[in-house]
Amino acid sequence: MPFDIKPVSSVMGARVTGLDLSQPISDTAENALKAAFLQYHLLCFESRPLSVEKFLVFARVFGTPQLQLLSNLQDNNFPEVSILNSTYKTRHDKPKDLAKLRLSGWHTDDSYFEKPAKATLLQALHVPDKGGQTRFINTRLAYERMPEAVKNNVAKLEATHCYDTVRAAARAQKLTAEEQQKTNDVVHPLIRTHEETGRQAIYLNPNRTDHIRGKSRKESDAILDVLYAWLIKKDFQYEHNWRRGDLLLWDNRCLLHSVNVDFPVGQRREHQRILLQGTRPV
C-alpha cells in the first residue's frame, strides 16, 4: 500500500497519509515508519478512529505497550489502553485560571518511573470545534542550540523526579494506595542520551522534576528556571491541531508536550492512549 511521509514543520513532526492502520503493516512500511519516527520524533497518522483492539495491534509495531499508572482510566478489555476524557461537562468544570489544570503544564510521560515510557500513542476520538491543541517542544533541538557554557554547566547533573512537585503549577491527580507504592522518587540525568540515535536532549519534566541532586533548593530552582525559560522558546515548538481520527506517535525521550485547555464547555474532547515500554535514561 503506497503512503507518504511529509514534514509538518522545521522543528519536528511528519504527517503519514495513505496508510490503513486497521490492516497489517508490511515489513517495508514498518522499517520506513520506524526510521521516520527517529528522524522526526513525532508522526501524525491520518486515520479513522480505530477500535481499542486495532489501536493496540498498531502500537505493537513500535514497541511493547505497558500498563499505565491510573487504573481507573484503563479500558475494561484491553488495560494497556487508557481512555482520556478532558471534556468540560458543565461550566463549573472549566476553571477561570486554566493554568491550574495539569494538562496545561509542559511535561513528558512517566518520568517518575525508573524506566519511563519511550513513546506515547494518542488518537483523537472526539475533538471540540476550537481549542484543545497539543503543543510539543523538541528538547533535542533545544539542547543542540544551547550555549556551550550552559551545556558544560549542566552536562553531568542529575535531577529527582516525583509524581508531584511543588514546582508544578497544578497538582497531580490523587493516587490509590497501590498506585502510590509504584511512584517512589527516581533520579535521572538532566541531559539524556537517546539509546537509539545517540543524540542528547534536555530531560526536564516541569510537572515532575523536583530538584537537582547535590544543590540547595535555591541553586536547583535557579538552574531549572534557566533551562525551562530556554526550552519554551517558540523556536523549539510545534502545535498540533487535532482532527477526529488523528493518531499521534511521539518520542518522550526528546519531546515535551502540553495541552491548550481553552475549549468550549459541553464539546467532547476524548482520546485513547498507549504508552510503550522504555529503558532507564542515561
C-alpha atoms as a PDB file:
ATOM      1  CA  MET A   1       0.000   0.000   0.000  1.00  0.00           C
ATOM      2  CA  PRO A   2       1.661   3.310  -1.049  1.00  0.00           C
ATOM      3  CA  PHE A   3       1.847   6.006   1.599  1.00  0.00           C
ATOM      4  CA  ASP A   4       3.534   9.382   2.079  1.00  0.00           C
ATOM      5  CA  ILE A   5       5.580  10.831   4.934  1.00  0.00           C
ATOM      6  CA  LYS A   6       5.834  14.625   4.774  1.00  0.00           C
ATOM      7  CA  PRO A   7       7.315  17.031   7.360  1.00  0.00           C
ATOM      8  CA  VAL A   8       4.847  19.336   9.110  1.00  0.00           C
ATOM      9  CA  SER A   9       7.416  21.834  10.394  1.00  0.00           C
ATOM     10  CA  SER A  10      11.144  22.518  10.507  1.00  0.00           C
ATOM     11  CA  VAL A  11      11.170  21.840  14.258  1.00  0.00           C
ATOM     12  CA  MET A  12       9.766  18.299  14.345  1.00  0.00           C
ATOM     13  CA  GLY A  13       6.980  16.095  13.083  1.00  0.00           C
ATOM     14  CA  ALA A  14       5.747  14.442   9.891  1.00  0.00           C
ATOM     15  CA  ARG A  15       2.297  13.524   8.601  1.00  0.00           C
ATOM     16  CA  VAL A  16       1.695   9.997   7.314  1.00  0.00           C
ATOM     17  CA  THR A  17      -1.058   9.609   4.721  1.00  0.00           C
ATOM     18  CA  GLY A  18      -2.343   6.738   2.597  1.00  0.00           C
ATOM     19  CA  LEU A  19      -1.843   4.026   5.221  1.00  0.00           C
ATOM     20  CA  ASP A  20      -4.740   1.927   6.524  1.00  0.00           C
ATOM     21  CA  LEU A  21      -3.900   1.471  10.202  1.00  0.00           C
ATOM     22  CA  SER A  22      -6.568  -1.188  10.641  1.00  0.00           C
ATOM     23  CA  GLN A  23      -4.639  -3.565   8.358  1.00  0.00           C
ATOM     24  CA  PRO A  24      -1.320  -5.370   8.950  1.00  0.00           C
ATOM     25  CA  ILE A  25       1.768  -3.249   8.254  1.00  0.00           C
ATOM     26  CA  SER A  26       4.318  -4.729   5.828  1.00  0.00           C
ATOM     27  CA  ASP A  27       7.967  -5.097   6.854  1.00  0.00           C
ATOM     28  CA  THR A  28       8.971  -2.437   4.330  1.00  0.00           C
ATOM     29  CA  ALA A  29       6.422   0.039   5.670  1.00  0.00           C
ATOM     30  CA  GLU A  30       7.350  -0.781   9.260  1.00  0.00           C
ATOM     31  CA  ASN A  31      11.029  -0.056   8.621  1.00  0.00           C
ATOM     32  CA  ALA A  32      10.197   3.236   6.898  1.00  0.00           C
ATOM     33  CA  LEU A  33       7.925   4.332   9.747  1.00  0.00           C
ATOM     34  CA  LYS A  34      10.461   3.466  12.421  1.00  0.00           C
ATOM     35  CA  ALA A  35      13.155   5.432  10.593  1.00  0.00           C
ATOM     36  CA  ALA A  36      10.810   8.409  10.196  1.00  0.00           C
ATOM     37  CA  PHE A  37       9.932   8.263  13.885  1.00  0.00           C
ATOM     38  CA  LEU A  38      13.596   8.556  14.880  1.00  0.00           C
ATOM     39  CA  GLN A  39      14.147  11.339  12.345  1.00  0.00           C
ATOM     40  CA  TYR A  40      11.092  13.482  13.099  1.00  0.00           C
ATOM     41  CA  HIS A  41      10.351  12.471  16.741  1.00  0.00           C
ATOM     42  CA  LEU A  42       6.603  12.835  16.089  1.00  0.00           C
ATOM     43  CA  LEU A  43       4.379  11.195  13.487  1.00  0.00           C
ATOM     44  CA  CYS A  44       0.757  12.066  12.751  1.00  0.00           C
ATOM     45  CA  PHE A  45      -1.194   9.289  11.053  1.00  0.00           C
ATOM     46  CA  GLU A  46      -4.362  10.315   9.246  1.00  0.00           C
ATOM     47  CA  SER A  47      -6.954   7.677  10.070  1.00  0.00           C
ATOM     48  CA  ARG A  48     -10.458   6.866  11.090  1.00  0.00           C
ATOM     49  CA  PRO A  49     -10.768   6.172  14.845  1.00  0.00           C
ATOM     50  CA  LEU A  50      -9.538   2.645  15.485  1.00  0.00           C
ATOM     51  CA  SER A  51     -11.197   0.156  17.774  1.00  0.00           C
ATOM     52  CA  VAL A  52      -9.334  -0.317  21.046  1.00  0.00           C
ATOM     53  CA  GLU A  53      -8.092  -3.711  19.842  1.00  0.00           C
ATOM     54  CA  LYS A  54      -6.853  -2.378  16.479  1.00  0.00           C
ATOM     55  CA  PHE A  55      -5.191   0.555  18.237  1.00  0.00           C
ATOM     56  CA  LEU A  56      -3.277  -1.884  20.421  1.00  0.00           C
ATOM     57  CA  VAL A  57      -2.223  -4.005  17.450  1.00  0.00           C
ATOM     58  CA  PHE A  58      -0.880  -0.942  15.637  1.00  0.00           C
ATOM     59  CA  ALA A  59       1.022   0.261  18.708  1.00  0.00           C
ATOM     60  CA  ARG A  60       2.952  -3.013  18.845  1.00  0.00           C
ATOM     61  CA  VAL A  61       4.624  -2.069  15.551  1.00  0.00           C
ATOM     62  CA  PHE A  62       6.720   0.424  17.530  1.00  0.00           C
ATOM     63  CA  GLY A  63       7.237  -1.335  20.845  1.00  0.00           C
ATOM     64  CA  THR A  64       5.702  -3.104  23.801  1.00  0.00           C
ATOM     65  CA  PRO A  65       2.606  -1.480  25.360  1.00  0.00           C
ATOM     66  CA  GLN A  66       2.642  -1.144  29.137  1.00  0.00           C
ATOM     67  CA  LEU A  67       0.015  -0.710  31.810  1.00  0.00           C
ATOM     68  CA  GLN A  68      -0.490   2.937  32.719  1.00  0.00           C
ATOM     69  CA  LEU A  69      -0.449   4.169  36.291  1.00  0.00           C
ATOM     70  CA  LEU A  70      -4.037   5.378  36.718  1.00  0.00           C
ATOM     71  CA  SER A  71      -6.027   2.161  36.675  1.00  0.00           C
ATOM     72  CA  ASN A  72      -9.419   3.907  36.619  1.00  0.00           C
ATOM     73  CA  LEU A  73      -8.699   5.110  33.059  1.00  0.00           C
ATOM     74  CA  GLN A  74      -7.908   1.683  31.644  1.00  0.00           C
ATOM     75  CA  ASP A  75     -10.148   0.037  29.065  1.00  0.00           C
ATOM     76  CA  ASN A  76     -12.041  -2.879  30.623  1.00  0.00           C
ATOM     77  CA  ASN A  77     -10.989  -5.403  27.978  1.00  0.00           C
ATOM     78  CA  PHE A  78      -7.584  -4.054  26.932  1.00  0.00           C
ATOM     79  CA  PRO A  79      -5.985  -2.499  30.040  1.00  0.00           C
ATOM     80  CA  GLU A  80      -2.879  -1.287  28.158  1.00  0.00           C
ATOM     81  CA  VAL A  81      -5.179   1.296  26.541  1.00  0.00           C
ATOM     82  CA  SER A  82      -6.380   4.266  28.573  1.00  0.00           C
ATOM     83  CA  ILE A  83      -9.377   6.419  27.635  1.00  0.00           C
ATOM     84  CA  LEU A  84      -8.707  10.085  28.384  1.00  0.00           C
ATOM     85  CA  ASN A  85     -11.729  12.365  28.560  1.00  0.00           C
ATOM     86  CA  SER A  86     -10.952  16.046  29.145  1.00  0.00           C
ATOM     87  CA  THR A  87     -14.446  17.331  28.281  1.00  0.00           C
ATOM     88  CA  TYR A  88     -15.873  20.196  30.352  1.00  0.00           C
ATOM     89  CA  LYS A  89     -19.323  18.789  31.020  1.00  0.00           C
ATOM     90  CA  THR A  90     -20.565  21.943  32.797  1.00  0.00           C
ATOM     91  CA  ARG A  91     -19.275  25.493  33.123  1.00  0.00           C
ATOM     92  CA  HIS A  92     -18.202  24.676  36.682  1.00  0.00           C
ATOM     93  CA  ASP A  93     -15.739  22.083  35.328  1.00  0.00           C
ATOM     94  CA  LYS A  94     -13.758  24.758  33.472  1.00  0.00           C
ATOM     95  CA  PRO A  95     -11.730  26.865  35.918  1.00  0.00           C
ATOM     96  CA  LYS A  96     -11.145  30.558  35.408  1.00  0.00           C
ATOM     97  CA  ASP A  97      -7.400  30.031  35.818  1.00  0.00           C
ATOM     98  CA  LEU A  98      -6.622  27.406  33.170  1.00  0.00           C
ATOM     99  CA  ALA A  99      -3.002  27.180  34.344  1.00  0.00           C
ATOM    100  CA  LYS A 100      -4.338  25.249  37.317  1.00  0.00           C
ATOM    101  CA  LEU A 101      -5.190  22.331  35.028  1.00  0.00           C
ATOM    102  CA  ARG A 102      -2.427  19.743  34.961  1.00  0.00           C
ATOM    103  CA  LEU A 103      -2.698  19.163  31.197  1.00  0.00           C
ATOM    104  CA  SER A 104      -1.693  22.756  30.509  1.00  0.00           C
ATOM    105  CA  GLY A 105       1.774  22.283  32.022  1.00  0.00           C
ATOM    106  CA  TRP A 106       4.714  21.125  29.922  1.00  0.00           C
ATOM    107  CA  HIS A 107       5.603  17.504  30.648  1.00  0.00           C
ATOM    108  CA  THR A 108       6.853  14.183  29.334  1.00  0.00           C
ATOM    109  CA  ASP A 109       5.066  10.963  30.192  1.00  0.00           C
ATOM    110  CA  ASP A 110       6.135   8.692  33.040  1.00  0.00           C
ATOM    111  CA  SER A 111       9.403  10.351  34.101  1.00  0.00           C
ATOM    112  CA  TYR A 112       8.606   9.480  37.736  1.00  0.00           C
ATOM    113  CA  PHE A 113       9.338   5.818  36.889  1.00  0.00           C
ATOM    114  CA  GLU A 114      12.791   4.222  36.822  1.00  0.00           C
ATOM    115  CA  LYS A 115      12.090   3.222  33.213  1.00  0.00           C
ATOM    116  CA  PRO A 116       9.830   5.906  31.689  1.00  0.00           C
ATOM    117  CA  ALA A 117       7.725   5.183  28.620  1.00  0.00           C
ATOM    118  CA  LYS A 118       9.812   5.705  25.494  1.00  0.00           C
ATOM    119  CA  ALA A 119       6.849   6.778  23.376  1.00  0.00           C
ATOM    120  CA  THR A 120       3.186   7.746  23.531  1.00  0.00           C
ATOM    121  CA  LEU A 121       0.428   6.974  21.028  1.00  0.00           C
ATOM    122  CA  LEU A 122      -2.650   9.173  21.276  1.00  0.00           C
ATOM    123  CA  GLN A 123      -5.677   9.013  18.966  1.00  0.00           C
ATOM    124  CA  ALA A 124      -8.475  11.565  18.830  1.00  0.00           C
ATOM    125  CA  LEU A 125     -11.916  10.005  19.227  1.00  0.00           C
ATOM    126  CA  HIS A 126     -13.756  13.322  19.656  1.00  0.00           C
ATOM    127  CA  VAL A 127     -12.448  16.879  19.271  1.00  0.00           C
ATOM    128  CA  PRO A 128     -14.007  20.267  20.091  1.00  0.00           C
ATOM    129  CA  ASP A 129     -14.686  22.855  17.412  1.00  0.00           C
ATOM    130  CA  LYS A 130     -11.844  25.050  18.639  1.00  0.00           C
ATOM    131  CA  GLY A 131      -9.008  24.874  21.141  1.00  0.00           C
ATOM    132  CA  GLY A 132      -7.660  21.643  22.580  1.00  0.00           C
ATOM    133  CA  GLN A 133      -4.439  21.639  20.543  1.00  0.00           C
ATOM    134  CA  THR A 134      -1.438  19.694  21.809  1.00  0.00           C
ATOM    135  CA  ARG A 135       1.860  21.574  21.733  1.00  0.00           C
ATOM    136  CA  PHE A 136       5.300  19.991  21.623  1.00  0.00           C
ATOM    137  CA  ILE A 137       8.863  21.072  22.422  1.00  0.00           C
ATOM    138  CA  ASN A 138      11.884  19.474  20.758  1.00  0.00           C
ATOM    139  CA  THR A 139      14.287  19.133  23.697  1.00  0.00           C
ATOM    140  CA  ARG A 140      16.968  17.598  21.447  1.00  0.00           C
ATOM    141  CA  LEU A 141      16.980  20.693  19.256  1.00  0.00           C
ATOM    142  CA  ALA A 142      16.914  22.927  22.321  1.00  0.00           C
ATOM    143  CA  TYR A 143      19.984  21.188  23.711  1.00  0.00           C
ATOM    144  CA  GLU A 144      21.900  21.374  20.447  1.00  0.00           C
ATOM    145  CA  ARG A 145      21.291  25.123  20.199  1.00  0.00           C
ATOM    146  CA  MET A 146      22.101  25.804  23.846  1.00  0.00           C
ATOM    147  CA  PRO A 147      25.194  27.977  24.513  1.00  0.00           C
ATOM    148  CA  GLU A 148      28.253  25.823  25.158  1.00  0.00           C
ATOM    149  CA  ALA A 149      28.842  27.427  28.554  1.00  0.00           C
ATOM    150  CA  VAL A 150      25.384  26.338  29.722  1.00  0.00           C
ATOM    151  CA  LYS A 151      25.888  22.853  28.282  1.00  0.00           C
ATOM    152  CA  ASN A 152      29.091  22.477  30.272  1.00  0.00           C
ATOM    153  CA  ASN A 153      27.358  23.601  33.472  1.00  0.00           C
ATOM    154  CA  VAL A 154      24.538  21.045  33.236  1.00  0.00           C
ATOM    155  CA  ALA A 155      26.238  18.149  31.439  1.00  0.00           C
ATOM    156  CA  LYS A 156      26.791  15.938  34.490  1.00  0.00           C
ATOM    157  CA  LEU A 157      23.831  16.986  36.647  1.00  0.00           C
ATOM    158  CA  GLU A 158      21.123  14.613  37.849  1.00  0.00           C
ATOM    159  CA  ALA A 159      17.594  15.511  38.923  1.00  0.00           C
ATOM    160  CA  THR A 160      14.989  13.912  41.148  1.00  0.00           C
ATOM    161  CA  HIS A 161      11.619  13.256  39.519  1.00  0.00           C
ATOM    162  CA  CYS A 162       8.471  12.887  41.652  1.00  0.00           C
ATOM    163  CA  TYR A 163       4.881  12.008  40.895  1.00  0.00           C
ATOM    164  CA  ASP A 164       4.154  15.576  42.012  1.00  0.00           C
ATOM    165  CA  THR A 165       6.377  18.540  42.829  1.00  0.00           C
ATOM    166  CA  VAL A 166       5.879  21.997  44.301  1.00  0.00           C
ATOM    167  CA  ARG A 167       7.471  23.357  41.134  1.00  0.00           C
ATOM    168  CA  ALA A 168       4.425  22.357  39.059  1.00  0.00           C
ATOM    169  CA  ALA A 169       1.678  24.948  38.649  1.00  0.00           C
ATOM    170  CA  ALA A 170      -1.118  22.387  39.181  1.00  0.00           C
ATOM    171  CA  ARG A 171      -1.461  19.416  41.461  1.00  0.00           C
ATOM    172  CA  ALA A 172      -1.423  15.859  40.168  1.00  0.00           C
ATOM    173  CA  GLN A 173      -4.393  13.509  40.410  1.00  0.00           C
ATOM    174  CA  LYS A 174      -4.638  11.727  43.760  1.00  0.00           C
ATOM    175  CA  LEU A 175      -3.477   8.122  43.755  1.00  0.00           C
ATOM    176  CA  THR A 176      -4.742   4.966  45.370  1.00  0.00           C
ATOM    177  CA  ALA A 177      -2.535   3.301  47.972  1.00  0.00           C
ATOM    178  CA  GLU A 178      -1.488   0.716  45.393  1.00  0.00           C
ATOM    179  CA  GLU A 179      -0.586   3.413  42.858  1.00  0.00           C
ATOM    180  CA  GLN A 180       1.418   5.335  45.457  1.00  0.00           C
ATOM    181  CA  GLN A 181       3.607   2.287  46.029  1.00  0.00           C
ATOM    182  CA  LYS A 182       4.605   2.402  42.357  1.00  0.00           C
ATOM    183  CA  THR A 183       5.708   6.043  42.371  1.00  0.00           C
ATOM    184  CA  ASN A 184       8.786   6.358  44.559  1.00  0.00           C
ATOM    185  CA  ASP A 185      11.042   9.279  43.662  1.00  0.00           C
ATOM    186  CA  VAL A 186      13.638   8.467  40.999  1.00  0.00           C
ATOM    187  CA  VAL A 187      16.825  10.132  39.757  1.00  0.00           C
ATOM    188  CA  HIS A 188      17.528  10.748  36.050  1.00  0.00           C
ATOM    189  CA  PRO A 189      20.276  12.627  34.188  1.00  0.00           C
ATOM    190  CA  LEU A 190      19.392  16.192  33.275  1.00  0.00           C
ATOM    191  CA  ILE A 191      20.916  15.621  29.839  1.00  0.00           C
ATOM    192  CA  ARG A 192      19.739  12.333  28.361  1.00  0.00           C
ATOM    193  CA  THR A 193      21.363  10.307  25.577  1.00  0.00           C
ATOM    194  CA  HIS A 194      18.878   8.681  23.200  1.00  0.00           C
ATOM    195  CA  GLU A 195      19.623   4.961  23.187  1.00  0.00           C
ATOM    196  CA  GLU A 196      18.709   4.521  19.504  1.00  0.00           C
ATOM    197  CA  THR A 197      20.195   7.646  17.896  1.00  0.00           C
ATOM    198  CA  GLY A 198      22.956   8.566  20.346  1.00  0.00           C
ATOM    199  CA  ARG A 199      21.830  12.212  20.306  1.00  0.00           C
ATOM    200  CA  GLN A 200      21.437  14.170  23.512  1.00  0.00           C
ATOM    201  CA  ALA A 201      18.423  16.108  24.791  1.00  0.00           C
ATOM    202  CA  ILE A 202      17.388  18.045  27.876  1.00  0.00           C
ATOM    203  CA  TYR A 203      15.432  15.694  30.127  1.00  0.00           C
ATOM    204  CA  LEU A 204      13.440  18.154  32.220  1.00  0.00           C
ATOM    205  CA  ASN A 205       9.807  17.486  33.108  1.00  0.00           C
ATOM    206  CA  PRO A 206       8.332  20.707  34.565  1.00  0.00           C
ATOM    207  CA  ASN A 207       5.393  18.757  36.033  1.00  0.00           C
ATOM    208  CA  ARG A 208       7.640  16.161  37.714  1.00  0.00           C
ATOM    209  CA  THR A 209      11.263  17.359  38.080  1.00  0.00           C
ATOM    210  CA  ASP A 210      11.620  18.470  41.697  1.00  0.00           C
ATOM    211  CA  HIS A 211      15.281  19.317  42.286  1.00  0.00           C
ATOM    212  CA  ILE A 212      18.858  18.790  41.163  1.00  0.00           C
ATOM    213  CA  ARG A 213      20.844  16.411  43.316  1.00  0.00           C
ATOM    214  CA  GLY A 214      23.597  17.964  45.414  1.00  0.00           C
ATOM    215  CA  LYS A 215      22.229  21.501  45.093  1.00  0.00           C
ATOM    216  CA  SER A 216      20.317  23.621  47.560  1.00  0.00           C
ATOM    217  CA  ARG A 217      16.695  24.331  46.687  1.00  0.00           C
ATOM    218  CA  LYS A 218      17.653  27.884  45.726  1.00  0.00           C
ATOM    219  CA  GLU A 219      20.526  26.760  43.469  1.00  0.00           C
ATOM    220  CA  SER A 220      18.432  23.973  41.963  1.00  0.00           C
ATOM    221  CA  ASP A 221      15.471  26.222  41.213  1.00  0.00           C
ATOM    222  CA  ALA A 222      17.743  28.774  39.554  1.00  0.00           C
ATOM    223  CA  ILE A 223      19.214  26.168  37.191  1.00  0.00           C
ATOM    224  CA  LEU A 224      15.844  24.577  36.396  1.00  0.00           C
ATOM    225  CA  ASP A 225      14.284  28.001  35.790  1.00  0.00           C
ATOM    226  CA  VAL A 226      17.015  28.899  33.283  1.00  0.00           C
ATOM    227  CA  LEU A 227      16.538  25.606  31.435  1.00  0.00           C
ATOM    228  CA  TYR A 228      12.767  25.991  31.415  1.00  0.00           C
ATOM    229  CA  ALA A 229      12.974  29.527  30.004  1.00  0.00           C
ATOM    230  CA  TRP A 230      15.233  28.214  27.233  1.00  0.00           C
ATOM    231  CA  LEU A 231      13.066  25.193  26.428  1.00  0.00           C
ATOM    232  CA  ILE A 232       9.808  27.089  25.983  1.00  0.00           C
ATOM    233  CA  LYS A 233      11.163  29.355  23.238  1.00  0.00           C
ATOM    234  CA  LYS A 234       8.888  29.278  20.200  1.00  0.00           C
ATOM    235  CA  ASP A 235      11.884  28.226  18.088  1.00  0.00           C
ATOM    236  CA  PHE A 236      11.569  24.722  19.525  1.00  0.00           C
ATOM    237  CA  GLN A 237       7.777  24.331  19.408  1.00  0.00           C
ATOM    238  CA  TYR A 238       5.186  22.726  17.160  1.00  0.00           C
ATOM    239  CA  GLU A 239       1.409  22.899  17.746  1.00  0.00           C
ATOM    240  CA  HIS A 240      -0.882  20.137  16.516  1.00  0.00           C
ATOM    241  CA  ASN A 241      -4.468  20.957  15.602  1.00  0.00           C
ATOM    242  CA  TRP A 242      -6.433  17.763  16.094  1.00  0.00           C
ATOM    243  CA  ARG A 243      -8.839  16.240  13.616  1.00  0.00           C
ATOM    244  CA  ARG A 244     -11.015  13.291  14.582  1.00  0.00           C
ATOM    245  CA  GLY A 245      -9.069  10.082  13.931  1.00  0.00           C
ATOM    246  CA  ASP A 246      -5.616  11.686  14.028  1.00  0.00           C
ATOM    247  CA  LEU A 247      -3.191   9.288  15.689  1.00  0.00           C
ATOM    248  CA  LEU A 248      -0.014  10.845  17.076  1.00  0.00           C
ATOM    249  CA  LEU A 249       3.098   8.894  17.999  1.00  0.00           C
ATOM    250  CA  TRP A 250       5.791  10.862  19.809  1.00  0.00           C
ATOM    251  CA  ASP A 251       9.153  10.248  21.425  1.00  0.00           C
ATOM    252  CA  ASN A 252       9.142  11.000  25.159  1.00  0.00           C
ATOM    253  CA  ARG A 253      12.932  10.793  25.221  1.00  0.00           C
ATOM    254  CA  CYS A 254      13.312  14.110  23.396  1.00  0.00           C
ATOM    255  CA  LEU A 255       9.916  15.853  23.432  1.00  0.00           C
ATOM    256  CA  LEU A 256       7.745  17.696  25.938  1.00  0.00           C
ATOM    257  CA  HIS A 257       4.045  18.313  25.398  1.00  0.00           C
ATOM    258  CA  SER A 258       1.181  20.349  26.837  1.00  0.00           C
ATOM    259  CA  VAL A 259      -2.474  20.949  26.008  1.00  0.00           C
ATOM    260  CA  ASN A 260      -4.339  24.135  25.156  1.00  0.00           C
ATOM    261  CA  VAL A 261      -7.116  23.571  27.686  1.00  0.00           C
ATOM    262  CA  ASP A 262      -9.218  26.502  26.469  1.00  0.00           C
ATOM    263  CA  PHE A 263     -12.031  24.825  24.536  1.00  0.00           C
ATOM    264  CA  PRO A 264     -15.841  25.115  24.708  1.00  0.00           C
ATOM    265  CA  VAL A 265     -17.877  23.686  27.566  1.00  0.00           C
ATOM    266  CA  GLY A 266     -20.026  20.725  26.525  1.00  0.00           C
ATOM    267  CA  GLN A 267     -17.970  19.765  23.457  1.00  0.00           C
ATOM    268  CA  ARG A 268     -16.353  16.336  23.783  1.00  0.00           C
ATOM    269  CA  ARG A 269     -12.576  16.051  23.872  1.00  0.00           C
ATOM    270  CA  GLU A 270     -11.664  12.393  24.166  1.00  0.00           C
ATOM    271  CA  HIS A 271      -8.600  10.332  23.202  1.00  0.00           C
ATOM    272  CA  GLN A 272      -7.302   6.812  23.586  1.00  0.00           C
ATOM    273  CA  ARG A 273      -3.697   6.419  24.714  1.00  0.00           C
ATOM    274  CA  ILE A 274      -0.977   3.767  24.804  1.00  0.00           C
ATOM    275  CA  LEU A 275       2.469   4.067  26.377  1.00  0.00           C
ATOM    276  CA  LEU A 276       5.391   1.977  25.106  1.00  0.00           C
ATOM    277  CA  GLN A 277       7.966   0.462  27.422  1.00  0.00           C
ATOM    278  CA  GLY A 278      11.276   2.288  27.655  1.00  0.00           C
ATOM    279  CA  THR A 279      14.676   1.899  29.290  1.00  0.00           C
ATOM    280  CA  ARG A 280      16.361   3.725  32.137  1.00  0.00           C
ATOM    281  CA  PRO A 281      17.639   7.139  30.944  1.00  0.00           C
ATOM    282  CA  VAL A 282      21.409   7.523  30.662  1.00  0.00           C
END
